Amino acid sequence: MSRTYLLHALAGAGAAAFLATGLWPFFDAFSFYEDVAEFPPYNAHFLHDVGAFQVGLGATLALALVWRTDALLVALAGSGIGAAFHVVAHIADDDKGGTDAQTISLGVFAALLLAGAAWQRARGRADERSRPPV
């Protein structure tokens, strides 16, 4: 087995693990708490936040397998996905605390990261089109 194959397998396994342990608490915090993370007191919003950040890590590893040559694109997109999930957690948990200003600032931050990823991706595609055919 080649080094590249092993590293890609590790990234894929890491992506799957982070996504699973991120999506589960994000969408079913109490079940995750009962089955995995029974550290009192139960705090749904905290588990939603933890899930959001795990999703961001998993997305980053998964995207690294797709966009192997553009680290900035992978970093912007992966962190933007995690940040967007964080915003959704704040919207869903609006009754649990926090302020509208926090949610708005988190939303702006997520949008900027994702816009940066889109801009980087578009730049990369433009660079590819400007290269002479091989």
C-alpha atoms as a PDB file:
ATOM      1  CA  MET A   1       0.000   0.000   0.000  1.00  0.00           C
ATOM      2  CA  SER A   2       1.266   3.434  -0.893  1.00  0.00           C
ATOM      3  CA  ARG A   3       1.725   6.272   1.535  1.00  0.00           C
ATOM      4  CA  THR A   4      -0.796   8.372  -0.437  1.00  0.00           C
ATOM      5  CA  TYR A   5      -3.441   5.649  -0.243  1.00  0.00           C
ATOM      6  CA  LEU A   6      -2.959   5.288   3.522  1.00  0.00           C
ATOM      7  CA  LEU A   7      -3.154   9.043   4.099  1.00  0.00           C
ATOM      8  CA  HIS A   8      -6.283   9.332   1.967  1.00  0.00           C
ATOM      9  CA  ALA A   9      -7.844   6.415   3.865  1.00  0.00           C
ATOM     10  CA  LEU A  10      -6.984   8.119   7.148  1.00  0.00           C
ATOM     11  CA  ALA A  11      -8.519  11.403   5.958  1.00  0.00           C
ATOM     12  CA  GLY A  12     -11.648   9.572   4.802  1.00  0.00           C
ATOM     13  CA  ALA A  13     -12.001   7.707   8.087  1.00  0.00           C
ATOM     14  CA  GLY A  14     -11.432  10.922  10.019  1.00  0.00           C
ATOM     15  CA  ALA A  15     -14.020  12.745   7.918  1.00  0.00           C
ATOM     16  CA  ALA A  16     -16.586   9.996   8.536  1.00  0.00           C
ATOM     17  CA  ALA A  17     -15.884   9.924  12.278  1.00  0.00           C
ATOM     18  CA  PHE A  18     -16.036  13.704  12.704  1.00  0.00           C
ATOM     19  CA  LEU A  19     -19.179  13.995  10.582  1.00  0.00           C
ATOM     20  CA  ALA A  20     -20.918  11.203  12.499  1.00  0.00           C
ATOM     21  CA  THR A  21     -19.964  12.594  15.894  1.00  0.00           C
ATOM     22  CA  GLY A  22     -20.931  16.065  14.727  1.00  0.00           C
ATOM     23  CA  LEU A  23     -24.234  15.436  12.990  1.00  0.00           C
ATOM     24  CA  TRP A  24     -25.531  13.207  15.793  1.00  0.00           C
ATOM     25  CA  PRO A  25     -25.335  15.783  18.618  1.00  0.00           C
ATOM     26  CA  PHE A  26     -26.317  18.562  16.240  1.00  0.00           C
ATOM     27  CA  PHE A  27     -29.580  16.875  15.265  1.00  0.00           C
ATOM     28  CA  ASP A  28     -30.275  14.785  18.400  1.00  0.00           C
ATOM     29  CA  ALA A  29     -28.382  16.277  21.313  1.00  0.00           C
ATOM     30  CA  PHE A  30     -30.215  14.371  24.034  1.00  0.00           C
ATOM     31  CA  SER A  31     -29.642  10.976  22.425  1.00  0.00           C
ATOM     32  CA  PHE A  32     -25.946  11.795  22.033  1.00  0.00           C
ATOM     33  CA  TYR A  33     -25.813  12.900  25.667  1.00  0.00           C
ATOM     34  CA  GLU A  34     -27.472   9.698  26.906  1.00  0.00           C
ATOM     35  CA  ASP A  35     -25.387   7.339  24.785  1.00  0.00           C
ATOM     36  CA  VAL A  36     -21.973   9.000  24.570  1.00  0.00           C
ATOM     37  CA  ALA A  37     -21.438  12.195  26.526  1.00  0.00           C
ATOM     38  CA  GLU A  38     -23.190  11.868  29.845  1.00  0.00           C
ATOM     39  CA  PHE A  39     -21.336  14.670  31.588  1.00  0.00           C
ATOM     40  CA  PRO A  40     -23.905  16.530  33.701  1.00  0.00           C
ATOM     41  CA  PRO A  41     -25.479  18.919  33.412  1.00  0.00           C
ATOM     42  CA  TYR A  42     -27.154  18.320  30.059  1.00  0.00           C
ATOM     43  CA  ASN A  43     -26.834  21.382  27.829  1.00  0.00           C
ATOM     44  CA  ALA A  44     -28.444  21.047  24.395  1.00  0.00           C
ATOM     45  CA  HIS A  45     -26.903  24.225  23.018  1.00  0.00           C
ATOM     46  CA  PHE A  46     -23.401  23.213  24.060  1.00  0.00           C
ATOM     47  CA  LEU A  47     -23.856  19.848  22.324  1.00  0.00           C
ATOM     48  CA  HIS A  48     -25.202  21.595  19.212  1.00  0.00           C
ATOM     49  CA  ASP A  49     -22.102  23.803  19.183  1.00  0.00           C
ATOM     50  CA  VAL A  50     -19.807  20.809  19.647  1.00  0.00           C
ATOM     51  CA  GLY A  51     -21.614  19.079  16.785  1.00  0.00           C
ATOM     52  CA  ALA A  52     -21.210  22.131  14.557  1.00  0.00           C
ATOM     53  CA  PHE A  53     -17.470  22.239  15.136  1.00  0.00           C
ATOM     54  CA  GLN A  54     -17.118  18.481  14.560  1.00  0.00           C
ATOM     55  CA  VAL A  55     -19.009  18.873  11.260  1.00  0.00           C
ATOM     56  CA  GLY A  56     -16.558  21.603  10.267  1.00  0.00           C
ATOM     57  CA  LEU A  57     -13.599  19.317  10.969  1.00  0.00           C
ATOM     58  CA  GLY A  58     -15.184  16.436   9.067  1.00  0.00           C
ATOM     59  CA  ALA A  59     -16.058  18.666   6.133  1.00  0.00           C
ATOM     60  CA  THR A  60     -12.489  19.965   6.012  1.00  0.00           C
ATOM     61  CA  LEU A  61     -11.054  16.448   5.808  1.00  0.00           C
ATOM     62  CA  ALA A  62     -13.623  15.389   3.200  1.00  0.00           C
ATOM     63  CA  LEU A  63     -12.986  18.480   1.083  1.00  0.00           C
ATOM     64  CA  ALA A  64      -9.232  17.908   1.284  1.00  0.00           C
ATOM     65  CA  LEU A  65      -9.827  14.649  -0.564  1.00  0.00           C
ATOM     66  CA  VAL A  66     -11.725  16.511  -3.298  1.00  0.00           C
ATOM     67  CA  TRP A  67      -9.655  19.691  -3.626  1.00  0.00           C
ATOM     68  CA  ARG A  68      -6.215  18.224  -2.953  1.00  0.00           C
ATOM     69  CA  THR A  69      -4.161  21.046  -4.383  1.00  0.00           C
ATOM     70  CA  ASP A  70      -5.887  24.063  -2.838  1.00  0.00           C
ATOM     71  CA  ALA A  71      -5.331  24.246   0.921  1.00  0.00           C
ATOM     72  CA  LEU A  72      -6.827  27.739   1.213  1.00  0.00           C
ATOM     73  CA  LEU A  73     -10.039  26.629  -0.493  1.00  0.00           C
ATOM     74  CA  VAL A  74     -10.308  23.589   1.779  1.00  0.00           C
ATOM     75  CA  ALA A  75      -9.665  25.655   4.916  1.00  0.00           C
ATOM     76  CA  LEU A  76     -12.158  28.377   3.984  1.00  0.00           C
ATOM     77  CA  ALA A  77     -14.867  25.935   2.933  1.00  0.00           C
ATOM     78  CA  GLY A  78     -14.454  23.565   5.883  1.00  0.00           C
ATOM     79  CA  SER A  79     -14.389  26.306   8.493  1.00  0.00           C
ATOM     80  CA  GLY A  80     -17.244  28.079   6.717  1.00  0.00           C
ATOM     81  CA  ILE A  81     -19.378  24.932   6.888  1.00  0.00           C
ATOM     82  CA  GLY A  82     -18.634  24.566  10.598  1.00  0.00           C
ATOM     83  CA  ALA A  83     -19.412  28.245  11.157  1.00  0.00           C
ATOM     84  CA  ALA A  84     -22.695  27.941   9.246  1.00  0.00           C
ATOM     85  CA  PHE A  85     -23.747  24.985  11.404  1.00  0.00           C
ATOM     86  CA  HIS A  86     -22.848  27.104  14.452  1.00  0.00           C
ATOM     87  CA  VAL A  87     -25.199  29.855  13.235  1.00  0.00           C
ATOM     88  CA  VAL A  88     -27.992  27.324  12.737  1.00  0.00           C
ATOM     89  CA  ALA A  89     -27.426  26.092  16.310  1.00  0.00           C
ATOM     90  CA  HIS A  90     -27.780  29.654  17.606  1.00  0.00           C
ATOM     91  CA  ILE A  91     -30.980  30.183  15.616  1.00  0.00           C
ATOM     92  CA  ALA A  92     -32.465  26.861  16.753  1.00  0.00           C
ATOM     93  CA  ASP A  93     -31.447  27.497  20.376  1.00  0.00           C
ATOM     94  CA  ASP A  94     -32.588  31.115  20.461  1.00  0.00           C
ATOM     95  CA  ASP A  95     -34.696  30.374  23.546  1.00  0.00           C
ATOM     96  CA  LYS A  96     -31.683  29.023  25.467  1.00  0.00           C
ATOM     97  CA  GLY A  97     -29.712  32.267  25.660  1.00  0.00           C
ATOM     98  CA  GLY A  98     -27.401  34.376  23.606  1.00  0.00           C
ATOM     99  CA  THR A  99     -28.260  37.580  21.804  1.00  0.00           C
ATOM    100  CA  ASP A 100     -29.451  38.449  18.339  1.00  0.00           C
ATOM    101  CA  ALA A 101     -26.238  40.420  17.852  1.00  0.00           C
ATOM    102  CA  GLN A 102     -24.174  37.281  18.529  1.00  0.00           C
ATOM    103  CA  THR A 103     -26.184  35.276  16.010  1.00  0.00           C
ATOM    104  CA  ILE A 104     -25.907  38.013  13.405  1.00  0.00           C
ATOM    105  CA  SER A 105     -22.147  38.401  13.887  1.00  0.00           C
ATOM    106  CA  LEU A 106     -21.688  34.623  13.659  1.00  0.00           C
ATOM    107  CA  GLY A 107     -23.776  34.634  10.484  1.00  0.00           C
ATOM    108  CA  VAL A 108     -21.708  37.382   8.909  1.00  0.00           C
ATOM    109  CA  PHE A 109     -18.517  35.498   9.795  1.00  0.00           C
ATOM    110  CA  ALA A 110     -19.855  32.247   8.279  1.00  0.00           C
ATOM    111  CA  ALA A 111     -20.981  34.070   5.140  1.00  0.00           C
ATOM    112  CA  LEU A 112     -17.572  35.700   4.735  1.00  0.00           C
ATOM    113  CA  LEU A 113     -15.754  32.366   5.081  1.00  0.00           C
ATOM    114  CA  LEU A 114     -18.056  30.694   2.541  1.00  0.00           C
ATOM    115  CA  ALA A 115     -17.815  33.674   0.183  1.00  0.00           C
ATOM    116  CA  GLY A 116     -14.041  33.488   0.471  1.00  0.00           C
ATOM    117  CA  ALA A 117     -14.192  29.793  -0.431  1.00  0.00           C
ATOM    118  CA  ALA A 118     -16.382  30.543  -3.447  1.00  0.00           C
ATOM    119  CA  TRP A 119     -14.031  33.325  -4.521  1.00  0.00           C
ATOM    120  CA  GLN A 120     -10.991  31.057  -4.142  1.00  0.00           C
ATOM    121  CA  ARG A 121     -12.742  28.298  -6.118  1.00  0.00           C
ATOM    122  CA  ALA A 122     -13.682  30.721  -8.893  1.00  0.00           C
ATOM    123  CA  ARG A 123     -10.110  32.025  -8.980  1.00  0.00           C
ATOM    124  CA  GLY A 124      -8.793  28.492  -9.260  1.00  0.00           C
ATOM    125  CA  ARG A 125     -11.145  27.706 -12.135  1.00  0.00           C
ATOM    126  CA  ALA A 126     -10.119  30.914 -13.907  1.00  0.00           C
ATOM    127  CA  ASP A 127      -6.454  29.933 -13.493  1.00  0.00           C
ATOM    128  CA  GLU A 128      -7.221  26.498 -14.944  1.00  0.00           C
ATOM    129  CA  ARG A 129      -8.928  28.040 -17.994  1.00  0.00           C
ATOM    130  CA  SER A 130      -6.010  30.416 -18.623  1.00  0.00           C
ATOM    131  CA  ARG A 131      -3.427  27.625 -18.779  1.00  0.00           C
ATOM    132  CA  PRO A 132      -2.515  26.367 -22.235  1.00  0.00           C
ATOM    133  CA  PRO A 133      -3.658  22.803 -22.983  1.00  0.00           C
ATOM    134  CA  VAL A 134      -1.093  20.122 -22.319  1.00  0.00           C
END
